[in-house]
C-alpha cells in the first residue's frame, strides 16, 4: 500500500474511533457540602457533541443503549452513543405539515413507557404522540374539550401508563397571540392510559414547562419558566391520578442569572435536578438548593442514563454529560 493511501486509511480509522476524552466547559457551583455526595468534587461537564440549533428533551433508551434528544428548530431527533457519536434518529420529529411552521416545529420532551415505546411532545403537530414498535405513530392527545392543544412541551410517564404533560405556547409560531391558538391558558394535563381521556390538572401557571414525578409517584413537580415567576410547584398525586392543591416548592425569581426553570428529573433519593437561572439546580426533597451545574450556555433539559448515574444535558448547541454518584430512575 502506498504511504499516502496508508495514511488516509489510518486517519479514517482513527476518526471512526470514539474519543479518549471530551472537551469540558462551565463549572459546578457548590453551595452546600452535601452536593459532594451527589457529584464528586473532581467532576467535569464534558461536551459530547455540538453544532445543534436548540437541543432539548433528552431521554435514555435503555433497550438501544443510547441517548435520544430533540433539536427543535431542525424538526429532528438525534441519537448519541460513545461508539458512533451522533446519528439522525427521526425526521420529521414534531411537524409533518407541508408549509413552514415557525422557529420551533420539532419534538421537545421525550419519554419511554413501560413497553419501551417512545412518547413525544410535538410542537408543530400540537400533540402527544407515541411511536409504536412497528415505527408508526399514534396520537395520544391533541385536544382538550374539543380545542387543540397549544404546543406540548414536556412529559413524564406514570407507572400506570398515564402521561402527565405541560402545554405552554412556545411552539406556536406567533406565541401567545398566534391566531391558531384555541386554548386561552397554558395547562398541566394528564392523559389516561385507561380510557384515553385528557384531564386538566392546573391552569394558573403562565408558562408550565418541565415536569417530573417523585420516586414514590406521590408528588408531581412542575416548573414555570416565565422569568417574573420563576418557580417550581409540587402537587400531591391523588389515588385517581389527578392532583390536589399545589404549593410553591422553590422560588428562583430573585436570582439575576440567565435562564429559567425548565426541564427536570428526580433521582432515586428524591433530589430534584432542574434547569433554572444559572444552570441546573440540584435541590433536596425539601427544596434546599445544594448547587448548580453551570454550562455557561442556556440550558434546557437533562436526563439520567447509562447505569442511572450519568447526567446528560442539552444546553443550546451542546450535548453534555456529568458523571454523578446519584442514580436516576
C-alpha atoms as a PDB file:
ATOM      1  CA  UNK A   1       0.000   0.000   0.000  1.00  0.00           C
ATOM      2  CA  UNK A   2       1.322   3.427  -0.891  1.00  0.00           C
ATOM      3  CA  UNK A   3       2.268   5.648   2.078  1.00  0.00           C
ATOM      4  CA  UNK A   4      -0.332   8.302   1.181  1.00  0.00           C
ATOM      5  CA  UNK A   5      -3.095   5.714   0.935  1.00  0.00           C
ATOM      6  CA  UNK A   6      -1.980   4.093   4.178  1.00  0.00           C
ATOM      7  CA  UNK A   7      -2.036   7.489   5.907  1.00  0.00           C
ATOM      8  CA  UNK A   8      -5.575   8.167   4.697  1.00  0.00           C
ATOM      9  CA  UNK A   9      -6.730   4.726   5.771  1.00  0.00           C
ATOM     10  CA  UNK A  10      -5.266   5.160   9.244  1.00  0.00           C
ATOM     11  CA  UNK A  11      -6.789   8.648   9.514  1.00  0.00           C
ATOM     12  CA  UNK A  12     -10.217   7.308   8.578  1.00  0.00           C
ATOM     13  CA  UNK A  13      -9.877   4.513  11.131  1.00  0.00           C
ATOM     14  CA  UNK A  14      -8.865   6.979  13.844  1.00  0.00           C
ATOM     15  CA  UNK A  15     -11.839   9.216  13.026  1.00  0.00           C
ATOM     16  CA  UNK A  16     -14.174   6.253  13.458  1.00  0.00           C
ATOM     17  CA  UNK A  17     -12.935   5.543  16.991  1.00  0.00           C
ATOM     18  CA  UNK A  18     -14.627   7.165  19.981  1.00  0.00           C
ATOM     19  CA  UNK A  19     -12.500   9.934  21.505  1.00  0.00           C
ATOM     20  CA  UNK A  20     -10.445   9.094  24.553  1.00  0.00           C
ATOM     21  CA  UNK A  21     -11.545  12.309  26.205  1.00  0.00           C
ATOM     22  CA  UNK A  22     -14.010  15.125  25.613  1.00  0.00           C
ATOM     23  CA  UNK A  23     -13.602  18.903  25.952  1.00  0.00           C
ATOM     24  CA  UNK A  24     -15.060  20.430  29.088  1.00  0.00           C
ATOM     25  CA  UNK A  25     -16.981  23.637  29.750  1.00  0.00           C
ATOM     26  CA  UNK A  26     -18.505  25.546  32.627  1.00  0.00           C
ATOM     27  CA  UNK A  27     -18.270  24.880  36.309  1.00  0.00           C
ATOM     28  CA  UNK A  28     -20.076  23.129  39.128  1.00  0.00           C
ATOM     29  CA  UNK A  29     -21.027  25.755  41.693  1.00  0.00           C
ATOM     30  CA  UNK A  30     -21.185  24.176  45.149  1.00  0.00           C
ATOM     31  CA  UNK A  31     -23.408  25.965  47.664  1.00  0.00           C
ATOM     32  CA  UNK A  32     -23.603  23.167  50.234  1.00  0.00           C
ATOM     33  CA  UNK A  33     -21.114  20.406  51.142  1.00  0.00           C
ATOM     34  CA  UNK A  34     -23.930  17.883  50.732  1.00  0.00           C
ATOM     35  CA  UNK A  35     -23.557  18.247  46.951  1.00  0.00           C
ATOM     36  CA  UNK A  36     -20.306  16.278  47.167  1.00  0.00           C
ATOM     37  CA  UNK A  37     -22.368  13.168  47.934  1.00  0.00           C
ATOM     38  CA  UNK A  38     -24.185  13.588  44.609  1.00  0.00           C
ATOM     39  CA  UNK A  39     -21.446  14.985  42.350  1.00  0.00           C
ATOM     40  CA  UNK A  40     -17.813  14.191  43.080  1.00  0.00           C
ATOM     41  CA  UNK A  41     -15.573  17.224  43.738  1.00  0.00           C
ATOM     42  CA  UNK A  42     -13.499  16.492  40.622  1.00  0.00           C
ATOM     43  CA  UNK A  43     -16.477  16.013  38.262  1.00  0.00           C
ATOM     44  CA  UNK A  44     -16.405  17.900  34.952  1.00  0.00           C
ATOM     45  CA  UNK A  45     -19.001  18.987  32.394  1.00  0.00           C
ATOM     46  CA  UNK A  46     -17.998  17.152  29.215  1.00  0.00           C
ATOM     47  CA  UNK A  47     -19.127  18.243  25.741  1.00  0.00           C
ATOM     48  CA  UNK A  48     -20.113  15.130  23.785  1.00  0.00           C
ATOM     49  CA  UNK A  49     -21.308  16.902  20.628  1.00  0.00           C
ATOM     50  CA  UNK A  50     -22.018  20.381  19.327  1.00  0.00           C
ATOM     51  CA  UNK A  51     -23.498  22.209  16.346  1.00  0.00           C
ATOM     52  CA  UNK A  52     -27.201  21.948  17.178  1.00  0.00           C
ATOM     53  CA  UNK A  53     -29.722  24.758  16.835  1.00  0.00           C
ATOM     54  CA  UNK A  54     -31.523  24.162  20.162  1.00  0.00           C
ATOM     55  CA  UNK A  55     -31.077  20.792  21.839  1.00  0.00           C
ATOM     56  CA  UNK A  56     -33.851  19.594  24.137  1.00  0.00           C
ATOM     57  CA  UNK A  57     -35.772  16.674  25.599  1.00  0.00           C
ATOM     58  CA  UNK A  58     -33.037  14.078  26.297  1.00  0.00           C
ATOM     59  CA  UNK A  59     -34.056  10.549  27.290  1.00  0.00           C
ATOM     60  CA  UNK A  60     -32.037   7.396  27.852  1.00  0.00           C
ATOM     61  CA  UNK A  61     -33.029   4.491  25.600  1.00  0.00           C
ATOM     62  CA  UNK A  62     -32.126   1.507  27.765  1.00  0.00           C
ATOM     63  CA  UNK A  63     -33.004  -1.003  25.047  1.00  0.00           C
ATOM     64  CA  UNK A  64     -30.800   0.720  22.476  1.00  0.00           C
ATOM     65  CA  UNK A  65     -28.111   1.747  24.995  1.00  0.00           C
ATOM     66  CA  UNK A  66     -28.144   5.258  23.566  1.00  0.00           C
ATOM     67  CA  UNK A  67     -29.313   8.762  24.311  1.00  0.00           C
ATOM     68  CA  UNK A  68     -32.075  10.328  22.233  1.00  0.00           C
ATOM     69  CA  UNK A  69     -32.686  14.080  22.175  1.00  0.00           C
ATOM     70  CA  UNK A  70     -34.573  16.671  20.150  1.00  0.00           C
ATOM     71  CA  UNK A  71     -33.284  19.539  18.060  1.00  0.00           C
ATOM     72  CA  UNK A  72     -36.500  21.532  17.903  1.00  0.00           C
ATOM     73  CA  UNK A  73     -35.697  24.015  15.103  1.00  0.00           C
ATOM     74  CA  UNK A  74     -34.375  21.186  12.899  1.00  0.00           C
ATOM     75  CA  UNK A  75     -37.532  19.102  13.455  1.00  0.00           C
ATOM     76  CA  UNK A  76     -35.248  16.182  14.313  1.00  0.00           C
ATOM     77  CA  UNK A  77     -34.366  13.641  16.973  1.00  0.00           C
ATOM     78  CA  UNK A  78     -30.746  12.527  17.227  1.00  0.00           C
ATOM     79  CA  UNK A  79     -29.188   9.500  18.872  1.00  0.00           C
ATOM     80  CA  UNK A  80     -25.808   9.517  20.600  1.00  0.00           C
ATOM     81  CA  UNK A  81     -23.591   6.599  21.585  1.00  0.00           C
ATOM     82  CA  UNK A  82     -19.914   6.679  22.545  1.00  0.00           C
ATOM     83  CA  UNK A  83     -19.175   4.232  19.729  1.00  0.00           C
ATOM     84  CA  UNK A  84     -20.871   6.102  16.875  1.00  0.00           C
ATOM     85  CA  UNK A  85     -21.321   9.630  18.159  1.00  0.00           C
ATOM     86  CA  UNK A  86     -24.307  11.473  16.676  1.00  0.00           C
ATOM     87  CA  UNK A  87     -26.755   9.818  14.253  1.00  0.00           C
ATOM     88  CA  UNK A  88     -30.093  11.062  12.935  1.00  0.00           C
ATOM     89  CA  UNK A  89     -32.869   9.035  14.575  1.00  0.00           C
ATOM     90  CA  UNK A  90     -36.073  10.667  13.304  1.00  0.00           C
ATOM     91  CA  UNK A  91     -37.030  13.489  10.917  1.00  0.00           C
ATOM     92  CA  UNK A  92     -39.612  14.963  10.926  1.00  0.00           C
ATOM     93  CA  UNK A  93     -39.957  14.623  14.672  1.00  0.00           C
ATOM     94  CA  UNK A  94     -42.710  17.078  15.587  1.00  0.00           C
ATOM     95  CA  UNK A  95     -44.201  18.665  12.485  1.00  0.00           C
ATOM     96  CA  UNK A  96     -45.404  16.776   9.435  1.00  0.00           C
ATOM     97  CA  UNK A  97     -47.068  19.619   7.536  1.00  0.00           C
ATOM     98  CA  UNK A  98     -46.011  20.870   4.102  1.00  0.00           C
ATOM     99  CA  UNK A  99     -45.755  24.606   4.875  1.00  0.00           C
ATOM    100  CA  UNK A 100     -43.138  26.222   7.098  1.00  0.00           C
ATOM    101  CA  UNK A 101     -44.131  26.323  10.754  1.00  0.00           C
ATOM    102  CA  UNK A 102     -42.278  28.861  12.860  1.00  0.00           C
ATOM    103  CA  UNK A 103     -38.878  28.575  14.513  1.00  0.00           C
ATOM    104  CA  UNK A 104     -39.616  25.567  16.749  1.00  0.00           C
ATOM    105  CA  UNK A 105     -41.601  22.959  14.810  1.00  0.00           C
ATOM    106  CA  UNK A 106     -39.996  19.780  16.111  1.00  0.00           C
ATOM    107  CA  UNK A 107     -40.379  17.469  19.065  1.00  0.00           C
ATOM    108  CA  UNK A 108     -39.467  18.659  22.542  1.00  0.00           C
ATOM    109  CA  UNK A 109     -39.727  16.384  25.604  1.00  0.00           C
ATOM    110  CA  UNK A 110     -39.270  12.630  25.117  1.00  0.00           C
ATOM    111  CA  UNK A 111     -40.001   9.657  27.370  1.00  0.00           C
ATOM    112  CA  UNK A 112     -40.440   5.885  27.232  1.00  0.00           C
ATOM    113  CA  UNK A 113     -43.374   3.919  28.610  1.00  0.00           C
ATOM    114  CA  UNK A 114     -43.134   0.518  30.330  1.00  0.00           C
ATOM    115  CA  UNK A 115     -43.436  -1.232  26.972  1.00  0.00           C
ATOM    116  CA  UNK A 116     -40.400   0.614  25.650  1.00  0.00           C
ATOM    117  CA  UNK A 117     -42.399   2.820  23.281  1.00  0.00           C
ATOM    118  CA  UNK A 118     -41.203   6.377  22.681  1.00  0.00           C
ATOM    119  CA  UNK A 119     -43.619   9.148  23.743  1.00  0.00           C
ATOM    120  CA  UNK A 120     -43.082  12.565  22.152  1.00  0.00           C
ATOM    121  CA  UNK A 121     -44.193  16.132  22.793  1.00  0.00           C
ATOM    122  CA  UNK A 122     -44.670  17.525  19.292  1.00  0.00           C
ATOM    123  CA  UNK A 123     -44.708  21.298  18.832  1.00  0.00           C
ATOM    124  CA  UNK A 124     -45.804  21.607  15.204  1.00  0.00           C
ATOM    125  CA  UNK A 125     -48.401  18.844  15.210  1.00  0.00           C
ATOM    126  CA  UNK A 126     -49.521  20.084  18.652  1.00  0.00           C
ATOM    127  CA  UNK A 127     -49.905  16.689  20.236  1.00  0.00           C
ATOM    128  CA  UNK A 128     -48.592  13.949  22.474  1.00  0.00           C
ATOM    129  CA  UNK A 129     -47.704  11.075  20.166  1.00  0.00           C
ATOM    130  CA  UNK A 130     -46.435   7.536  20.653  1.00  0.00           C
ATOM    131  CA  UNK A 131     -44.105   5.665  18.364  1.00  0.00           C
ATOM    132  CA  UNK A 132     -45.149   2.038  18.337  1.00  0.00           C
ATOM    133  CA  UNK A 133     -42.871  -0.941  17.851  1.00  0.00           C
ATOM    134  CA  UNK A 134     -43.544  -1.036  14.105  1.00  0.00           C
ATOM    135  CA  UNK A 135     -42.252   2.519  13.770  1.00  0.00           C
ATOM    136  CA  UNK A 136     -45.633   4.128  13.146  1.00  0.00           C
ATOM    137  CA  UNK A 137     -47.015   6.920  15.322  1.00  0.00           C
ATOM    138  CA  UNK A 138     -50.367   7.245  17.047  1.00  0.00           C
ATOM    139  CA  UNK A 139     -51.835  10.377  18.602  1.00  0.00           C
ATOM    140  CA  UNK A 140     -52.463  10.097  22.330  1.00  0.00           C
ATOM    141  CA  UNK A 141     -53.630  13.654  22.996  1.00  0.00           C
ATOM    142  CA  UNK A 142     -54.090  16.682  20.754  1.00  0.00           C
ATOM    143  CA  UNK A 143     -57.233  18.303  22.177  1.00  0.00           C
ATOM    144  CA  UNK A 144     -58.847  19.290  25.430  1.00  0.00           C
ATOM    145  CA  UNK A 145     -62.633  19.646  25.388  1.00  0.00           C
ATOM    146  CA  UNK A 146     -62.549  19.799  21.603  1.00  0.00           C
ATOM    147  CA  UNK A 147     -59.907  22.556  21.415  1.00  0.00           C
ATOM    148  CA  UNK A 148     -56.426  21.973  20.076  1.00  0.00           C
ATOM    149  CA  UNK A 149     -53.528  21.997  22.495  1.00  0.00           C
ATOM    150  CA  UNK A 150     -51.006  24.846  22.270  1.00  0.00           C
ATOM    151  CA  UNK A 151     -47.665  23.046  21.878  1.00  0.00           C
ATOM    152  CA  UNK A 152     -46.941  20.204  24.319  1.00  0.00           C
ATOM    153  CA  UNK A 153     -43.553  20.810  25.886  1.00  0.00           C
ATOM    154  CA  UNK A 154     -42.514  18.175  28.418  1.00  0.00           C
ATOM    155  CA  UNK A 155     -43.888  14.980  29.920  1.00  0.00           C
ATOM    156  CA  UNK A 156     -43.450  12.218  32.458  1.00  0.00           C
ATOM    157  CA  UNK A 157     -44.940   8.716  32.333  1.00  0.00           C
ATOM    158  CA  UNK A 158     -46.573   7.265  35.469  1.00  0.00           C
ATOM    159  CA  UNK A 159     -46.238   3.557  36.260  1.00  0.00           C
ATOM    160  CA  UNK A 160     -49.957   3.257  35.425  1.00  0.00           C
ATOM    161  CA  UNK A 161     -49.158   4.337  31.863  1.00  0.00           C
ATOM    162  CA  UNK A 162     -50.766   7.734  32.334  1.00  0.00           C
ATOM    163  CA  UNK A 163     -48.852  10.641  30.792  1.00  0.00           C
ATOM    164  CA  UNK A 164     -48.546  13.950  32.630  1.00  0.00           C
ATOM    165  CA  UNK A 165     -47.586  16.849  30.357  1.00  0.00           C
ATOM    166  CA  UNK A 166     -47.287  20.615  30.103  1.00  0.00           C
ATOM    167  CA  UNK A 167     -48.685  22.756  27.305  1.00  0.00           C
ATOM    168  CA  UNK A 168     -47.234  26.289  27.035  1.00  0.00           C
ATOM    169  CA  UNK A 169     -47.214  28.347  23.830  1.00  0.00           C
ATOM    170  CA  UNK A 170     -43.513  28.232  22.932  1.00  0.00           C
ATOM    171  CA  UNK A 171     -44.057  26.108  19.825  1.00  0.00           C
ATOM    172  CA  UNK A 172     -46.748  28.313  18.289  1.00  0.00           C
ATOM    173  CA  UNK A 173     -45.175  30.444  15.524  1.00  0.00           C
ATOM    174  CA  UNK A 174     -46.585  33.673  16.959  1.00  0.00           C
ATOM    175  CA  UNK A 175     -46.607  32.627  20.592  1.00  0.00           C
ATOM    176  CA  UNK A 176     -49.457  33.713  22.822  1.00  0.00           C
ATOM    177  CA  UNK A 177     -51.012  35.846  20.054  1.00  0.00           C
ATOM    178  CA  UNK A 178     -50.956  33.146  17.384  1.00  0.00           C
ATOM    179  CA  UNK A 179     -54.313  33.109  15.541  1.00  0.00           C
ATOM    180  CA  UNK A 180     -54.193  29.303  15.518  1.00  0.00           C
ATOM    181  CA  UNK A 181     -54.327  29.217  19.291  1.00  0.00           C
ATOM    182  CA  UNK A 182     -57.542  27.693  20.655  1.00  0.00           C
ATOM    183  CA  UNK A 183     -56.938  27.450  24.425  1.00  0.00           C
ATOM    184  CA  UNK A 184     -56.712  30.725  26.341  1.00  0.00           C
ATOM    185  CA  UNK A 185     -54.458  29.252  29.039  1.00  0.00           C
ATOM    186  CA  UNK A 186     -51.313  27.137  29.382  1.00  0.00           C
ATOM    187  CA  UNK A 187     -52.195  23.971  31.225  1.00  0.00           C
ATOM    188  CA  UNK A 188     -50.826  20.939  33.014  1.00  0.00           C
ATOM    189  CA  UNK A 189     -52.665  17.839  31.792  1.00  0.00           C
ATOM    190  CA  UNK A 190     -52.982  14.093  32.324  1.00  0.00           C
ATOM    191  CA  UNK A 191     -53.649  11.625  29.527  1.00  0.00           C
ATOM    192  CA  UNK A 192     -55.302   8.455  30.834  1.00  0.00           C
ATOM    193  CA  UNK A 193     -53.926   5.146  29.592  1.00  0.00           C
ATOM    194  CA  UNK A 194     -57.173   3.511  30.686  1.00  0.00           C
ATOM    195  CA  UNK A 195     -59.631   5.409  28.515  1.00  0.00           C
ATOM    196  CA  UNK A 196     -57.612   7.977  26.536  1.00  0.00           C
ATOM    197  CA  UNK A 197     -59.237  10.954  28.243  1.00  0.00           C
ATOM    198  CA  UNK A 198     -57.384  14.239  28.777  1.00  0.00           C
ATOM    199  CA  UNK A 199     -57.825  15.932  32.161  1.00  0.00           C
ATOM    200  CA  UNK A 200     -56.801  19.470  33.014  1.00  0.00           C
ATOM    201  CA  UNK A 201     -54.890  19.392  36.301  1.00  0.00           C
ATOM    202  CA  UNK A 202     -53.807  23.022  36.652  1.00  0.00           C
ATOM    203  CA  UNK A 203     -54.126  26.211  34.606  1.00  0.00           C
ATOM    204  CA  UNK A 204     -52.734  29.005  36.790  1.00  0.00           C
ATOM    205  CA  UNK A 205     -49.083  28.941  35.721  1.00  0.00           C
ATOM    206  CA  UNK A 206     -48.188  31.406  32.940  1.00  0.00           C
ATOM    207  CA  UNK A 207     -45.658  29.052  31.302  1.00  0.00           C
ATOM    208  CA  UNK A 208     -45.660  25.498  32.707  1.00  0.00           C
ATOM    209  CA  UNK A 209     -42.620  23.706  31.358  1.00  0.00           C
ATOM    210  CA  UNK A 210     -40.591  20.876  32.933  1.00  0.00           C
ATOM    211  CA  UNK A 211     -42.457  18.132  34.776  1.00  0.00           C
ATOM    212  CA  UNK A 212     -41.424  15.173  36.917  1.00  0.00           C
ATOM    213  CA  UNK A 213     -42.696  12.663  39.477  1.00  0.00           C
ATOM    214  CA  UNK A 214     -41.172  11.781  42.839  1.00  0.00           C
ATOM    215  CA  UNK A 215     -39.870   8.193  43.137  1.00  0.00           C
ATOM    216  CA  UNK A 216     -42.976   7.105  45.081  1.00  0.00           C
ATOM    217  CA  UNK A 217     -45.177   8.889  42.494  1.00  0.00           C
ATOM    218  CA  UNK A 218     -46.970  10.762  45.265  1.00  0.00           C
ATOM    219  CA  UNK A 219     -45.742  14.205  44.169  1.00  0.00           C
ATOM    220  CA  UNK A 220     -45.881  15.872  40.761  1.00  0.00           C
ATOM    221  CA  UNK A 221     -43.357  18.671  40.217  1.00  0.00           C
ATOM    222  CA  UNK A 222     -43.945  21.386  37.599  1.00  0.00           C
ATOM    223  CA  UNK A 223     -41.518  24.141  36.594  1.00  0.00           C
ATOM    224  CA  UNK A 224     -42.733  27.555  35.443  1.00  0.00           C
ATOM    225  CA  UNK A 225     -40.323  29.173  33.007  1.00  0.00           C
ATOM    226  CA  UNK A 226     -41.632  32.736  32.997  1.00  0.00           C
ATOM    227  CA  UNK A 227     -38.941  34.996  34.443  1.00  0.00           C
ATOM    228  CA  UNK A 228     -41.275  37.068  36.605  1.00  0.00           C
ATOM    229  CA  UNK A 229     -42.488  33.860  38.275  1.00  0.00           C
ATOM    230  CA  UNK A 230     -39.504  31.504  38.142  1.00  0.00           C
ATOM    231  CA  UNK A 231     -40.880  28.823  40.442  1.00  0.00           C
ATOM    232  CA  UNK A 232     -41.248  25.102  40.873  1.00  0.00           C
ATOM    233  CA  UNK A 233     -44.538  23.771  42.208  1.00  0.00           C
ATOM    234  CA  UNK A 234     -45.335  20.478  43.939  1.00  0.00           C
ATOM    235  CA  UNK A 235     -48.740  18.798  43.726  1.00  0.00           C
ATOM    236  CA  UNK A 236     -49.919  15.743  45.677  1.00  0.00           C
ATOM    237  CA  UNK A 237     -50.951  12.953  43.306  1.00  0.00           C
ATOM    238  CA  UNK A 238     -54.330  11.510  44.295  1.00  0.00           C
ATOM    239  CA  UNK A 239     -55.476   7.905  44.070  1.00  0.00           C
ATOM    240  CA  UNK A 240     -57.401   8.586  40.847  1.00  0.00           C
ATOM    241  CA  UNK A 241     -54.317  10.070  39.140  1.00  0.00           C
ATOM    242  CA  UNK A 242     -55.407  13.679  39.464  1.00  0.00           C
ATOM    243  CA  UNK A 243     -53.689  16.166  41.777  1.00  0.00           C
ATOM    244  CA  UNK A 244     -54.583  18.115  44.874  1.00  0.00           C
ATOM    245  CA  UNK A 245     -53.807  21.766  45.653  1.00  0.00           C
ATOM    246  CA  UNK A 246     -50.243  22.710  44.780  1.00  0.00           C
ATOM    247  CA  UNK A 247     -47.597  24.606  46.712  1.00  0.00           C
ATOM    248  CA  UNK A 248     -44.506  26.541  45.672  1.00  0.00           C
ATOM    249  CA  UNK A 249     -41.634  24.105  46.154  1.00  0.00           C
ATOM    250  CA  UNK A 250     -38.813  26.503  45.269  1.00  0.00           C
ATOM    251  CA  UNK A 251     -38.603  30.087  44.020  1.00  0.00           C
ATOM    252  CA  UNK A 252     -35.724  31.380  41.883  1.00  0.00           C
ATOM    253  CA  UNK A 253     -37.394  34.642  40.835  1.00  0.00           C
ATOM    254  CA  UNK A 254     -34.949  36.842  42.775  1.00  0.00           C
ATOM    255  CA  UNK A 255     -31.932  35.289  41.036  1.00  0.00           C
ATOM    256  CA  UNK A 256     -30.495  37.637  38.429  1.00  0.00           C
ATOM    257  CA  UNK A 257     -28.989  34.854  36.339  1.00  0.00           C
ATOM    258  CA  UNK A 258     -29.564  33.677  32.793  1.00  0.00           C
ATOM    259  CA  UNK A 259     -32.287  31.102  32.204  1.00  0.00           C
ATOM    260  CA  UNK A 260     -35.431  29.912  33.946  1.00  0.00           C
ATOM    261  CA  UNK A 261     -36.975  26.735  35.360  1.00  0.00           C
ATOM    262  CA  UNK A 262     -37.285  24.243  32.523  1.00  0.00           C
ATOM    263  CA  UNK A 263     -36.618  20.520  32.221  1.00  0.00           C
ATOM    264  CA  UNK A 264     -36.187  18.425  35.348  1.00  0.00           C
ATOM    265  CA  UNK A 265     -35.607  14.914  36.667  1.00  0.00           C
ATOM    266  CA  UNK A 266     -35.743  13.363  40.127  1.00  0.00           C
ATOM    267  CA  UNK A 267     -33.183  10.868  41.405  1.00  0.00           C
ATOM    268  CA  UNK A 268     -33.956   7.741  43.431  1.00  0.00           C
ATOM    269  CA  UNK A 269     -33.477   9.604  46.714  1.00  0.00           C
ATOM    270  CA  UNK A 270     -35.965  12.275  45.731  1.00  0.00           C
ATOM    271  CA  UNK A 271     -33.492  15.053  44.915  1.00  0.00           C
ATOM    272  CA  UNK A 272     -34.697  17.371  42.149  1.00  0.00           C
ATOM    273  CA  UNK A 273     -32.346  18.230  39.282  1.00  0.00           C
ATOM    274  CA  UNK A 274     -33.799  21.035  37.194  1.00  0.00           C
ATOM    275  CA  UNK A 275     -32.606  23.666  34.790  1.00  0.00           C
ATOM    276  CA  UNK A 276     -33.095  27.138  36.189  1.00  0.00           C
ATOM    277  CA  UNK A 277     -31.383  30.531  36.447  1.00  0.00           C
ATOM    278  CA  UNK A 278     -27.646  29.987  36.045  1.00  0.00           C
ATOM    279  CA  UNK A 279     -27.790  26.307  35.106  1.00  0.00           C
ATOM    280  CA  UNK A 280     -29.031  23.035  36.577  1.00  0.00           C
ATOM    281  CA  UNK A 281     -30.251  23.442  40.152  1.00  0.00           C
ATOM    282  CA  UNK A 282     -29.734  20.451  42.435  1.00  0.00           C
ATOM    283  CA  UNK A 283     -32.281  20.563  45.256  1.00  0.00           C
ATOM    284  CA  UNK A 284     -33.127  18.288  48.162  1.00  0.00           C
ATOM    285  CA  UNK A 285     -36.658  16.840  48.542  1.00  0.00           C
ATOM    286  CA  UNK A 286     -37.239  19.720  50.992  1.00  0.00           C
ATOM    287  CA  UNK A 287     -36.332  22.316  48.358  1.00  0.00           C
ATOM    288  CA  UNK A 288     -32.881  23.279  49.637  1.00  0.00           C
ATOM    289  CA  UNK A 289     -30.523  24.342  46.841  1.00  0.00           C
ATOM    290  CA  UNK A 290     -27.249  22.415  47.080  1.00  0.00           C
ATOM    291  CA  UNK A 291     -25.578  23.839  43.993  1.00  0.00           C
ATOM    292  CA  UNK A 292     -25.724  24.430  40.260  1.00  0.00           C
ATOM    293  CA  UNK A 293     -24.212  22.778  37.219  1.00  0.00           C
ATOM    294  CA  UNK A 294     -23.319  25.816  35.101  1.00  0.00           C
ATOM    295  CA  UNK A 295     -22.587  25.138  31.427  1.00  0.00           C
ATOM    296  CA  UNK A 296     -22.241  28.824  30.578  1.00  0.00           C
ATOM    297  CA  UNK A 297     -24.957  28.420  27.944  1.00  0.00           C
ATOM    298  CA  UNK A 298     -28.754  28.461  28.059  1.00  0.00           C
ATOM    299  CA  UNK A 299     -29.517  25.025  29.484  1.00  0.00           C
ATOM    300  CA  UNK A 300     -32.801  23.417  28.517  1.00  0.00           C
ATOM    301  CA  UNK A 301     -33.128  19.880  29.849  1.00  0.00           C
ATOM    302  CA  UNK A 302     -31.459  16.809  31.304  1.00  0.00           C
ATOM    303  CA  UNK A 303     -31.784  13.044  31.757  1.00  0.00           C
ATOM    304  CA  UNK A 304     -30.063  10.298  33.724  1.00  0.00           C
ATOM    305  CA  UNK A 305     -28.615   7.494  31.614  1.00  0.00           C
ATOM    306  CA  UNK A 306     -26.177   4.593  31.375  1.00  0.00           C
ATOM    307  CA  UNK A 307     -26.500   2.848  34.746  1.00  0.00           C
ATOM    308  CA  UNK A 308     -28.520   5.823  36.028  1.00  0.00           C
ATOM    309  CA  UNK A 309     -25.536   7.807  37.298  1.00  0.00           C
ATOM    310  CA  UNK A 310     -24.635   9.775  34.147  1.00  0.00           C
ATOM    311  CA  UNK A 311     -26.447  13.090  33.820  1.00  0.00           C
ATOM    312  CA  UNK A 312     -26.897  14.057  30.170  1.00  0.00           C
ATOM    313  CA  UNK A 313     -27.562  17.744  29.496  1.00  0.00           C
ATOM    314  CA  UNK A 314     -28.925  19.631  26.495  1.00  0.00           C
ATOM    315  CA  UNK A 315     -27.584  23.205  26.505  1.00  0.00           C
ATOM    316  CA  UNK A 316     -28.280  25.282  23.395  1.00  0.00           C
ATOM    317  CA  UNK A 317     -25.863  23.976  20.732  1.00  0.00           C
ATOM    318  CA  UNK A 318     -24.314  21.394  23.063  1.00  0.00           C
ATOM    319  CA  UNK A 319     -24.935  17.866  24.254  1.00  0.00           C
ATOM    320  CA  UNK A 320     -23.063  17.425  27.543  1.00  0.00           C
ATOM    321  CA  UNK A 321     -22.720  14.985  30.411  1.00  0.00           C
ATOM    322  CA  UNK A 322     -21.633  14.931  34.043  1.00  0.00           C
ATOM    323  CA  UNK A 323     -20.769  11.762  35.917  1.00  0.00           C
ATOM    324  CA  UNK A 324     -22.600  11.690  39.259  1.00  0.00           C
ATOM    325  CA  UNK A 325     -22.858   9.457  42.281  1.00  0.00           C
ATOM    326  CA  UNK A 326     -26.634   9.842  42.288  1.00  0.00           C
ATOM    327  CA  UNK A 327     -28.937   7.401  40.496  1.00  0.00           C
ATOM    328  CA  UNK A 328     -31.828   8.374  38.280  1.00  0.00           C
ATOM    329  CA  UNK A 329     -34.846   6.140  37.949  1.00  0.00           C
END
